[in-house]
Amino acid sequence: MTFENVGEQQSPEKNLSGNAPLSKLRSLLQQMGTVTVLLSGGVDSACLAWAATEALPSSKVQLLTLTCPLVEEEERRIARETASKLGLSWHLLDVPTLEISEVRQNGPRRCYFCRKTMHARAAAWIQRHRKGPLVDGVHGEDRREYRPGLEAAEEDGIRHPLEEAGLSKEDIRECLRQAGFSHWNRPPRPCLATRFPPGVSLEETNLLLVQRGEEILRKYGFSRGRLRFFPPGAGILEFPEDDLPRALEERKELTADLLALGFGVVALDLEGHCRGKMERFLSVLPRKDPKN
């Protein structure tokens, strides 16, 4: 699916000339000459797409969004809005990642196999359209967590200009804020598979259930909340510590809405939200093939 020039490019006033990593980023992009940005709904790839329009003619920049059942609808919407704001053509590729057994089975290296599948589709698109190289929004702070998908990116030749230039997460958000993007401070939204413990099979009905459940959380104003799925149908709520008092106050309404959605049990994680929590279950999974 392709949307050509879905909006007119805006040029908000910027005051970023003194940022050395940003200057390096522009130089890197200029050296590449032409790029296809793997655009998600997050701030990192949006920053990279914006920087590419600053460094290169719009005809040399393409935006490619890869979607699958693990990607929330909101991610696609924000990606399209980003493309519209920048005035660039936007291409959307559906990738049937759940057809890959290593992805559906949700093993420790699910992310590796998912990214390999997506990169293969993107590479085929690049070959047809001659719009490379592929670049993504990975930055240095992403290395602090266990991310098998980064291994896949290295193998597949995906470049990480934000990391190469040394931009921090703070730099990225500030660039977007000054460039006038409304989602500059948007919390991270990792894929829906992260709401399931490793080893729990990823089924489309349950993925949709979690997505709709987190939409309810946002309706209540819990933009940083998470809804974890535990078989056969328990929804475990995680909130940042400062949201816990309000979550307790509104627990009856939240519980009623989530039960009506289809969860059998709704419970609150007293520890609160912290990134990478599902990875704790890796230590209790049976060890079979280290590549699965």
C-alpha atoms as a PDB file:
ATOM      1  CA  MET A   1       0.000   0.000   0.000  1.00  0.00           C
ATOM      2  CA  THR A   2       1.435   3.362  -1.008  1.00  0.00           C
ATOM      3  CA  PHE A   3       0.329   6.878  -0.181  1.00  0.00           C
ATOM      4  CA  GLU A   4       2.134   9.458  -2.284  1.00  0.00           C
ATOM      5  CA  ASN A   5       2.789  12.829  -0.640  1.00  0.00           C
ATOM      6  CA  VAL A   6       0.145  12.444   2.041  1.00  0.00           C
ATOM      7  CA  GLY A   7       0.710  15.972   3.293  1.00  0.00           C
ATOM      8  CA  GLU A   8       2.534  19.226   2.811  1.00  0.00           C
ATOM      9  CA  GLN A   9       5.908  19.592   4.499  1.00  0.00           C
ATOM     10  CA  GLN A  10       5.965  21.979   7.414  1.00  0.00           C
ATOM     11  CA  SER A  11       9.027  23.911   8.462  1.00  0.00           C
ATOM     12  CA  PRO A  12       8.632  24.937  12.103  1.00  0.00           C
ATOM     13  CA  GLU A  13      11.280  27.174  13.539  1.00  0.00           C
ATOM     14  CA  LYS A  14      14.133  25.139  15.003  1.00  0.00           C
ATOM     15  CA  ASN A  15      17.030  26.023  17.271  1.00  0.00           C
ATOM     16  CA  LEU A  16      19.118  22.874  17.094  1.00  0.00           C
ATOM     17  CA  SER A  17      22.209  24.052  15.262  1.00  0.00           C
ATOM     18  CA  GLY A  18      24.467  23.644  18.287  1.00  0.00           C
ATOM     19  CA  ASN A  19      23.677  19.961  18.778  1.00  0.00           C
ATOM     20  CA  ALA A  20      26.839  18.069  17.738  1.00  0.00           C
ATOM     21  CA  PRO A  21      25.193  14.616  17.477  1.00  0.00           C
ATOM     22  CA  LEU A  22      22.438  16.086  15.322  1.00  0.00           C
ATOM     23  CA  SER A  23      25.018  17.694  13.029  1.00  0.00           C
ATOM     24  CA  LYS A  24      26.756  14.334  12.748  1.00  0.00           C
ATOM     25  CA  LEU A  25      23.420  12.682  11.971  1.00  0.00           C
ATOM     26  CA  ARG A  26      22.757  15.070   9.118  1.00  0.00           C
ATOM     27  CA  SER A  27      26.246  14.432   7.762  1.00  0.00           C
ATOM     28  CA  LEU A  28      25.735  10.661   7.893  1.00  0.00           C
ATOM     29  CA  LEU A  29      22.445  10.913   6.039  1.00  0.00           C
ATOM     30  CA  GLN A  30      23.947  13.174   3.401  1.00  0.00           C
ATOM     31  CA  GLN A  31      26.708  10.643   2.836  1.00  0.00           C
ATOM     32  CA  MET A  32      24.099   7.931   2.268  1.00  0.00           C
ATOM     33  CA  GLY A  33      22.479  10.031  -0.445  1.00  0.00           C
ATOM     34  CA  THR A  34      19.130   8.233  -0.370  1.00  0.00           C
ATOM     35  CA  VAL A  35      17.417   6.362   2.461  1.00  0.00           C
ATOM     36  CA  THR A  36      14.357   4.326   3.308  1.00  0.00           C
ATOM     37  CA  VAL A  37      13.379   4.964   6.911  1.00  0.00           C
ATOM     38  CA  LEU A  38      11.670   2.111   8.738  1.00  0.00           C
ATOM     39  CA  LEU A  39       8.984   4.245  10.359  1.00  0.00           C
ATOM     40  CA  SER A  40       6.961   3.085  13.340  1.00  0.00           C
ATOM     41  CA  GLY A  41       4.686   5.156  15.549  1.00  0.00           C
ATOM     42  CA  GLY A  42       7.503   5.847  18.006  1.00  0.00           C
ATOM     43  CA  VAL A  43       9.529   8.984  18.559  1.00  0.00           C
ATOM     44  CA  ASP A  44      12.877   7.508  17.489  1.00  0.00           C
ATOM     45  CA  SER A  45      12.019   6.686  13.885  1.00  0.00           C
ATOM     46  CA  ALA A  46      10.022   9.925  13.607  1.00  0.00           C
ATOM     47  CA  CYS A  47      13.122  11.860  14.624  1.00  0.00           C
ATOM     48  CA  LEU A  48      15.168  10.000  12.026  1.00  0.00           C
ATOM     49  CA  ALA A  49      12.576  10.687   9.322  1.00  0.00           C
ATOM     50  CA  TRP A  50      12.552  14.393  10.221  1.00  0.00           C
ATOM     51  CA  ALA A  51      16.373  14.530  10.207  1.00  0.00           C
ATOM     52  CA  ALA A  52      16.407  12.862   6.794  1.00  0.00           C
ATOM     53  CA  THR A  53      14.192  15.629   5.382  1.00  0.00           C
ATOM     54  CA  GLU A  54      16.598  18.183   6.841  1.00  0.00           C
ATOM     55  CA  ALA A  55      19.623  16.501   5.261  1.00  0.00           C
ATOM     56  CA  LEU A  56      18.268  15.301   1.900  1.00  0.00           C
ATOM     57  CA  PRO A  57      15.803  16.304  -0.805  1.00  0.00           C
ATOM     58  CA  SER A  58      12.371  14.805  -0.208  1.00  0.00           C
ATOM     59  CA  SER A  59      12.753  12.731  -3.390  1.00  0.00           C
ATOM     60  CA  LYS A  60      15.644  10.902  -1.711  1.00  0.00           C
ATOM     61  CA  VAL A  61      13.701   9.898   1.404  1.00  0.00           C
ATOM     62  CA  GLN A  62      11.111   7.121   1.573  1.00  0.00           C
ATOM     63  CA  LEU A  63       9.134   6.024   4.619  1.00  0.00           C
ATOM     64  CA  LEU A  64       8.325   2.329   5.014  1.00  0.00           C
ATOM     65  CA  THR A  65       6.111   1.019   7.805  1.00  0.00           C
ATOM     66  CA  LEU A  66       6.041  -2.719   8.470  1.00  0.00           C
ATOM     67  CA  THR A  67       2.913  -3.943  10.151  1.00  0.00           C
ATOM     68  CA  CYS A  68       1.720  -7.302  11.472  1.00  0.00           C
ATOM     69  CA  PRO A  69      -0.694  -8.647  14.113  1.00  0.00           C
ATOM     70  CA  LEU A  70       1.833  -7.689  16.819  1.00  0.00           C
ATOM     71  CA  VAL A  71       1.651  -3.994  15.902  1.00  0.00           C
ATOM     72  CA  GLU A  72      -1.059  -1.824  17.422  1.00  0.00           C
ATOM     73  CA  GLU A  73      -3.427   0.115  15.178  1.00  0.00           C
ATOM     74  CA  GLU A  74      -2.314   3.337  16.868  1.00  0.00           C
ATOM     75  CA  GLU A  75       1.245   2.772  15.628  1.00  0.00           C
ATOM     76  CA  ARG A  76       0.076   2.770  12.019  1.00  0.00           C
ATOM     77  CA  ARG A  77      -2.018   5.871  12.573  1.00  0.00           C
ATOM     78  CA  ILE A  78       0.849   7.857  14.062  1.00  0.00           C
ATOM     79  CA  ALA A  79       3.241   6.681  11.348  1.00  0.00           C
ATOM     80  CA  ARG A  80       0.837   7.959   8.710  1.00  0.00           C
ATOM     81  CA  GLU A  81       0.481  11.292  10.523  1.00  0.00           C
ATOM     82  CA  THR A  82       4.266  11.626  10.670  1.00  0.00           C
ATOM     83  CA  ALA A  83       4.519  11.026   6.935  1.00  0.00           C
ATOM     84  CA  SER A  84       1.780  13.584   6.358  1.00  0.00           C
ATOM     85  CA  LYS A  85       3.536  16.206   8.440  1.00  0.00           C
ATOM     86  CA  LEU A  86       6.802  15.671   6.581  1.00  0.00           C
ATOM     87  CA  GLY A  87       5.169  15.591   3.167  1.00  0.00           C
ATOM     88  CA  LEU A  88       6.795  12.304   2.211  1.00  0.00           C
ATOM     89  CA  SER A  89       5.447   9.250   0.429  1.00  0.00           C
ATOM     90  CA  TRP A  90       4.565   6.501   2.867  1.00  0.00           C
ATOM     91  CA  HIS A  91       4.511   2.796   2.138  1.00  0.00           C
ATOM     92  CA  LEU A  92       2.780   0.210   4.323  1.00  0.00           C
ATOM     93  CA  LEU A  93       3.704  -3.480   4.135  1.00  0.00           C
ATOM     94  CA  ASP A  94       1.712  -6.185   5.897  1.00  0.00           C
ATOM     95  CA  VAL A  95       3.933  -9.018   7.091  1.00  0.00           C
ATOM     96  CA  PRO A  96       2.301 -12.304   8.273  1.00  0.00           C
ATOM     97  CA  THR A  97       4.723 -12.840  11.148  1.00  0.00           C
ATOM     98  CA  LEU A  98       2.438 -15.235  13.024  1.00  0.00           C
ATOM     99  CA  GLU A  99       2.908 -17.719  10.194  1.00  0.00           C
ATOM    100  CA  ILE A 100       6.475 -18.127  11.477  1.00  0.00           C
ATOM    101  CA  SER A 101       6.382 -20.821  14.170  1.00  0.00           C
ATOM    102  CA  GLU A 102       9.271 -19.284  16.146  1.00  0.00           C
ATOM    103  CA  VAL A 103       7.275 -16.057  16.384  1.00  0.00           C
ATOM    104  CA  ARG A 104       3.912 -17.614  17.226  1.00  0.00           C
ATOM    105  CA  GLN A 105       5.463 -19.870  19.865  1.00  0.00           C
ATOM    106  CA  ASN A 106       6.876 -16.769  21.572  1.00  0.00           C
ATOM    107  CA  GLY A 107      10.202 -18.245  22.587  1.00  0.00           C
ATOM    108  CA  PRO A 108      13.169 -16.294  24.002  1.00  0.00           C
ATOM    109  CA  ARG A 109      14.317 -15.293  20.508  1.00  0.00           C
ATOM    110  CA  ARG A 110      10.916 -14.426  19.095  1.00  0.00           C
ATOM    111  CA  CYS A 111      12.051 -10.891  18.333  1.00  0.00           C
ATOM    112  CA  TYR A 112      15.003 -12.170  16.287  1.00  0.00           C
ATOM    113  CA  PHE A 113      12.806 -14.288  14.007  1.00  0.00           C
ATOM    114  CA  CYS A 114      10.170 -11.577  13.742  1.00  0.00           C
ATOM    115  CA  ARG A 115      12.710  -8.977  12.670  1.00  0.00           C
ATOM    116  CA  LYS A 116      14.341 -11.369  10.213  1.00  0.00           C
ATOM    117  CA  THR A 117      10.952 -11.903   8.564  1.00  0.00           C
ATOM    118  CA  MET A 118      10.197  -8.202   8.432  1.00  0.00           C
ATOM    119  CA  HIS A 119      13.649  -7.279   7.149  1.00  0.00           C
ATOM    120  CA  ALA A 120      13.310  -9.830   4.345  1.00  0.00           C
ATOM    121  CA  ARG A 121      10.050  -8.220   3.210  1.00  0.00           C
ATOM    122  CA  ALA A 122      11.609  -4.761   3.443  1.00  0.00           C
ATOM    123  CA  ALA A 123      14.689  -5.859   1.484  1.00  0.00           C
ATOM    124  CA  ALA A 124      12.474  -7.264  -1.284  1.00  0.00           C
ATOM    125  CA  TRP A 125      10.618  -3.953  -1.427  1.00  0.00           C
ATOM    126  CA  ILE A 126      13.920  -2.052  -1.599  1.00  0.00           C
ATOM    127  CA  GLN A 127      15.100  -4.240  -4.449  1.00  0.00           C
ATOM    128  CA  ARG A 128      11.946  -3.527  -6.447  1.00  0.00           C
ATOM    129  CA  HIS A 129      11.931   0.209  -5.789  1.00  0.00           C
ATOM    130  CA  ARG A 130      15.693   0.842  -5.583  1.00  0.00           C
ATOM    131  CA  LYS A 131      15.291   3.027  -2.505  1.00  0.00           C
ATOM    132  CA  GLY A 132      17.987   2.139  -0.003  1.00  0.00           C
ATOM    133  CA  PRO A 133      19.698   1.733   2.323  1.00  0.00           C
ATOM    134  CA  LEU A 134      17.318   0.723   5.109  1.00  0.00           C
ATOM    135  CA  VAL A 135      17.704   2.769   8.289  1.00  0.00           C
ATOM    136  CA  ASP A 136      15.841   2.499  11.579  1.00  0.00           C
ATOM    137  CA  GLY A 137      15.401   4.424  14.819  1.00  0.00           C
ATOM    138  CA  VAL A 138      17.656   2.341  17.064  1.00  0.00           C
ATOM    139  CA  HIS A 139      19.797   4.459  19.387  1.00  0.00           C
ATOM    140  CA  GLY A 140      22.511   3.680  21.910  1.00  0.00           C
ATOM    141  CA  GLU A 141      20.232   3.353  24.920  1.00  0.00           C
ATOM    142  CA  ASP A 142      18.424   0.470  23.223  1.00  0.00           C
ATOM    143  CA  ARG A 143      21.530  -1.651  23.862  1.00  0.00           C
ATOM    144  CA  ARG A 144      20.835  -1.617  27.593  1.00  0.00           C
ATOM    145  CA  GLU A 145      18.089  -4.223  27.231  1.00  0.00           C
ATOM    146  CA  TYR A 146      17.967  -7.755  25.888  1.00  0.00           C
ATOM    147  CA  ARG A 147      16.920  -7.253  22.255  1.00  0.00           C
ATOM    148  CA  PRO A 148      17.504 -10.200  19.904  1.00  0.00           C
ATOM    149  CA  GLY A 149      16.015  -8.077  17.137  1.00  0.00           C
ATOM    150  CA  LEU A 150      19.175  -5.970  17.117  1.00  0.00           C
ATOM    151  CA  GLU A 151      21.146  -9.079  16.216  1.00  0.00           C
ATOM    152  CA  ALA A 152      18.850  -9.593  13.243  1.00  0.00           C
ATOM    153  CA  ALA A 153      19.355  -5.975  12.191  1.00  0.00           C
ATOM    154  CA  GLU A 154      23.129  -6.376  12.249  1.00  0.00           C
ATOM    155  CA  GLU A 155      22.917  -9.527  10.138  1.00  0.00           C
ATOM    156  CA  ASP A 156      20.594  -7.873   7.633  1.00  0.00           C
ATOM    157  CA  GLY A 157      22.596  -4.692   7.181  1.00  0.00           C
ATOM    158  CA  ILE A 158      20.066  -2.305   8.732  1.00  0.00           C
ATOM    159  CA  ARG A 159      21.822   0.911   9.688  1.00  0.00           C
ATOM    160  CA  HIS A 160      21.180   2.842  12.886  1.00  0.00           C
ATOM    161  CA  PRO A 161      22.041   6.498  12.156  1.00  0.00           C
ATOM    162  CA  LEU A 162      20.781   7.768  15.530  1.00  0.00           C
ATOM    163  CA  GLU A 163      23.146   5.387  17.308  1.00  0.00           C
ATOM    164  CA  GLU A 164      26.006   6.099  14.908  1.00  0.00           C
ATOM    165  CA  ALA A 165      25.629   9.830  15.518  1.00  0.00           C
ATOM    166  CA  GLY A 166      25.391   9.427  19.291  1.00  0.00           C
ATOM    167  CA  LEU A 167      21.932  10.910  19.889  1.00  0.00           C
ATOM    168  CA  SER A 168      20.456  10.206  23.312  1.00  0.00           C
ATOM    169  CA  LYS A 169      16.763   9.658  24.001  1.00  0.00           C
ATOM    170  CA  GLU A 170      16.668  13.167  25.449  1.00  0.00           C
ATOM    171  CA  ASP A 171      18.171  14.555  22.216  1.00  0.00           C
ATOM    172  CA  ILE A 172      15.590  12.675  20.160  1.00  0.00           C
ATOM    173  CA  ARG A 173      12.623  13.974  22.130  1.00  0.00           C
ATOM    174  CA  GLU A 174      13.975  17.529  22.085  1.00  0.00           C
ATOM    175  CA  CYS A 175      14.433  17.404  18.313  1.00  0.00           C
ATOM    176  CA  LEU A 176      10.829  16.325  17.859  1.00  0.00           C
ATOM    177  CA  ARG A 177       9.546  18.898  20.348  1.00  0.00           C
ATOM    178  CA  GLN A 178      11.302  21.769  18.616  1.00  0.00           C
ATOM    179  CA  ALA A 179      10.247  20.426  15.209  1.00  0.00           C
ATOM    180  CA  GLY A 180       6.619  20.645  16.298  1.00  0.00           C
ATOM    181  CA  PHE A 181       5.638  16.974  16.588  1.00  0.00           C
ATOM    182  CA  SER A 182       2.765  16.507  19.005  1.00  0.00           C
ATOM    183  CA  HIS A 183       3.903  13.037  20.080  1.00  0.00           C
ATOM    184  CA  TRP A 184       7.448  14.111  21.067  1.00  0.00           C
ATOM    185  CA  ASN A 185       6.943  12.893  24.641  1.00  0.00           C
ATOM    186  CA  ARG A 186       4.947   9.763  23.829  1.00  0.00           C
ATOM    187  CA  PRO A 187       5.759   6.812  26.112  1.00  0.00           C
ATOM    188  CA  PRO A 188       7.373   3.766  24.465  1.00  0.00           C
ATOM    189  CA  ARG A 189       4.907   1.297  22.969  1.00  0.00           C
ATOM    190  CA  PRO A 190       6.694  -2.008  22.358  1.00  0.00           C
ATOM    191  CA  CYS A 191       4.922  -4.637  20.278  1.00  0.00           C
ATOM    192  CA  LEU A 192       1.967  -6.543  21.698  1.00  0.00           C
ATOM    193  CA  ALA A 193       4.007  -9.737  22.097  1.00  0.00           C
ATOM    194  CA  THR A 194       5.724  -8.128  25.099  1.00  0.00           C
ATOM    195  CA  ARG A 195       2.425  -8.399  27.006  1.00  0.00           C
ATOM    196  CA  PHE A 196       2.705 -12.202  27.028  1.00  0.00           C
ATOM    197  CA  PRO A 197       5.132 -14.303  29.079  1.00  0.00           C
ATOM    198  CA  PRO A 198       7.710 -16.145  26.949  1.00  0.00           C
ATOM    199  CA  GLY A 199       6.432 -19.544  25.923  1.00  0.00           C
ATOM    200  CA  VAL A 200       2.778 -18.469  25.764  1.00  0.00           C
ATOM    201  CA  SER A 201       1.569 -18.856  22.183  1.00  0.00           C
ATOM    202  CA  LEU A 202       0.580 -15.643  20.408  1.00  0.00           C
ATOM    203  CA  GLU A 203      -2.975 -15.942  19.099  1.00  0.00           C
ATOM    204  CA  GLU A 204      -4.624 -13.125  17.174  1.00  0.00           C
ATOM    205  CA  THR A 205      -7.742 -13.150  19.353  1.00  0.00           C
ATOM    206  CA  ASN A 206      -5.681 -12.647  22.505  1.00  0.00           C
ATOM    207  CA  LEU A 207      -3.493 -10.004  20.876  1.00  0.00           C
ATOM    208  CA  LEU A 208      -6.612  -8.066  19.924  1.00  0.00           C
ATOM    209  CA  LEU A 209      -7.996  -8.516  23.441  1.00  0.00           C
ATOM    210  CA  VAL A 210      -4.868  -6.956  24.936  1.00  0.00           C
ATOM    211  CA  GLN A 211      -4.894  -4.114  22.406  1.00  0.00           C
ATOM    212  CA  ARG A 212      -8.508  -3.250  23.191  1.00  0.00           C
ATOM    213  CA  GLY A 213      -7.781  -3.538  26.903  1.00  0.00           C
ATOM    214  CA  GLU A 214      -4.933  -1.036  26.732  1.00  0.00           C
ATOM    215  CA  GLU A 215      -7.174   1.319  24.777  1.00  0.00           C
ATOM    216  CA  ILE A 216      -9.446   1.237  27.828  1.00  0.00           C
ATOM    217  CA  LEU A 217      -6.494   2.092  30.069  1.00  0.00           C
ATOM    218  CA  ARG A 218      -5.701   5.106  27.909  1.00  0.00           C
ATOM    219  CA  LYS A 219      -9.364   6.140  28.031  1.00  0.00           C
ATOM    220  CA  TYR A 220      -8.966   6.336  31.799  1.00  0.00           C
ATOM    221  CA  GLY A 221      -5.815   8.435  31.375  1.00  0.00           C
ATOM    222  CA  PHE A 222      -3.266   5.677  32.081  1.00  0.00           C
ATOM    223  CA  SER A 223      -1.031   6.304  29.081  1.00  0.00           C
ATOM    224  CA  ARG A 224       1.876   4.402  30.640  1.00  0.00           C
ATOM    225  CA  GLY A 225      -0.127   1.408  31.809  1.00  0.00           C
ATOM    226  CA  ARG A 226       0.369  -2.157  30.589  1.00  0.00           C
ATOM    227  CA  LEU A 227      -2.019  -5.069  30.412  1.00  0.00           C
ATOM    228  CA  ARG A 228      -0.309  -8.466  30.557  1.00  0.00           C
ATOM    229  CA  PHE A 229      -2.069 -11.620  29.408  1.00  0.00           C
ATOM    230  CA  PHE A 230      -1.712 -14.858  31.363  1.00  0.00           C
ATOM    231  CA  PRO A 231      -3.497 -18.029  30.215  1.00  0.00           C
ATOM    232  CA  PRO A 232      -6.226 -18.943  30.066  1.00  0.00           C
ATOM    233  CA  GLY A 233      -7.594 -15.400  30.333  1.00  0.00           C
ATOM    234  CA  ALA A 234      -6.171 -13.326  33.176  1.00  0.00           C
ATOM    235  CA  GLY A 235      -5.385  -9.662  32.641  1.00  0.00           C
ATOM    236  CA  ILE A 236      -2.655  -8.344  34.934  1.00  0.00           C
ATOM    237  CA  LEU A 237      -2.495  -4.562  35.155  1.00  0.00           C
ATOM    238  CA  GLU A 238       0.812  -2.750  35.572  1.00  0.00           C
ATOM    239  CA  PHE A 239       1.039   0.963  36.297  1.00  0.00           C
ATOM    240  CA  PRO A 240       3.949   3.253  37.149  1.00  0.00           C
ATOM    241  CA  GLU A 241       4.189   3.753  40.886  1.00  0.00           C
ATOM    242  CA  ASP A 242       2.734   7.260  40.797  1.00  0.00           C
ATOM    243  CA  ASP A 243      -0.381   5.948  39.007  1.00  0.00           C
ATOM    244  CA  LEU A 244      -1.083   3.156  41.495  1.00  0.00           C
ATOM    245  CA  PRO A 245      -3.182   5.229  43.959  1.00  0.00           C
ATOM    246  CA  ARG A 246      -5.544   6.389  41.215  1.00  0.00           C
ATOM    247  CA  ALA A 247      -5.674   2.893  39.738  1.00  0.00           C
ATOM    248  CA  LEU A 248      -6.841   1.580  43.098  1.00  0.00           C
ATOM    249  CA  GLU A 249      -9.455   4.321  43.320  1.00  0.00           C
ATOM    250  CA  GLU A 250     -10.830   3.390  39.911  1.00  0.00           C
ATOM    251  CA  ARG A 251     -10.348  -0.371  40.181  1.00  0.00           C
ATOM    252  CA  LYS A 252     -14.062  -1.194  40.146  1.00  0.00           C
ATOM    253  CA  GLU A 253     -14.715   0.681  36.907  1.00  0.00           C
ATOM    254  CA  LEU A 254     -11.527  -0.640  35.284  1.00  0.00           C
ATOM    255  CA  THR A 255     -12.290  -4.200  36.327  1.00  0.00           C
ATOM    256  CA  ALA A 256     -15.859  -4.027  35.050  1.00  0.00           C
ATOM    257  CA  ASP A 257     -14.767  -2.716  31.657  1.00  0.00           C
ATOM    258  CA  LEU A 258     -12.022  -5.317  31.228  1.00  0.00           C
ATOM    259  CA  LEU A 259     -14.255  -8.193  32.322  1.00  0.00           C
ATOM    260  CA  ALA A 260     -16.861  -7.027  29.825  1.00  0.00           C
ATOM    261  CA  LEU A 261     -14.168  -7.049  27.151  1.00  0.00           C
ATOM    262  CA  GLY A 262     -13.536 -10.755  27.699  1.00  0.00           C
ATOM    263  CA  PHE A 263     -10.960 -11.233  30.451  1.00  0.00           C
ATOM    264  CA  GLY A 264     -11.835 -13.917  32.990  1.00  0.00           C
ATOM    265  CA  VAL A 265      -9.856 -12.360  35.845  1.00  0.00           C
ATOM    266  CA  VAL A 266      -8.404  -8.873  36.281  1.00  0.00           C
ATOM    267  CA  ALA A 267      -5.649  -8.276  38.832  1.00  0.00           C
ATOM    268  CA  LEU A 268      -3.209  -5.522  39.772  1.00  0.00           C
ATOM    269  CA  ASP A 269       0.552  -6.046  39.857  1.00  0.00           C
ATOM    270  CA  LEU A 270       1.593  -4.425  43.148  1.00  0.00           C
ATOM    271  CA  GLU A 271       5.190  -4.039  42.001  1.00  0.00           C
ATOM    272  CA  GLY A 272       4.120  -1.604  39.324  1.00  0.00           C
ATOM    273  CA  HIS A 273       5.273  -1.290  35.745  1.00  0.00           C
ATOM    274  CA  CYS A 274       8.889  -1.822  34.793  1.00  0.00           C
ATOM    275  CA  ARG A 275      10.299  -2.532  31.351  1.00  0.00           C
ATOM    276  CA  GLY A 276      11.438  -6.025  30.538  1.00  0.00           C
ATOM    277  CA  LYS A 277       9.452  -7.718  33.289  1.00  0.00           C
ATOM    278  CA  MET A 278       8.338 -10.604  31.065  1.00  0.00           C
ATOM    279  CA  GLU A 279      11.987 -11.482  30.490  1.00  0.00           C
ATOM    280  CA  ARG A 280      12.170 -12.754  34.076  1.00  0.00           C
ATOM    281  CA  PHE A 281      10.281 -15.813  32.908  1.00  0.00           C
ATOM    282  CA  LEU A 282      13.144 -16.751  30.608  1.00  0.00           C
ATOM    283  CA  SER A 283      14.963 -18.334  33.529  1.00  0.00           C
ATOM    284  CA  VAL A 284      12.158 -20.857  34.076  1.00  0.00           C
ATOM    285  CA  LEU A 285      11.587 -21.862  30.446  1.00  0.00           C
ATOM    286  CA  PRO A 286      12.837 -25.311  29.428  1.00  0.00           C
ATOM    287  CA  ARG A 287      16.053 -25.088  27.428  1.00  0.00           C
ATOM    288  CA  LYS A 288      15.800 -26.891  24.094  1.00  0.00           C
ATOM    289  CA  ASP A 289      17.415 -25.356  21.049  1.00  0.00           C
ATOM    290  CA  PRO A 290      19.306 -22.123  21.946  1.00  0.00           C
ATOM    291  CA  LYS A 291      18.269 -20.656  18.577  1.00  0.00           C
ATOM    292  CA  ASN A 292      14.547 -21.029  19.267  1.00  0.00           C
END
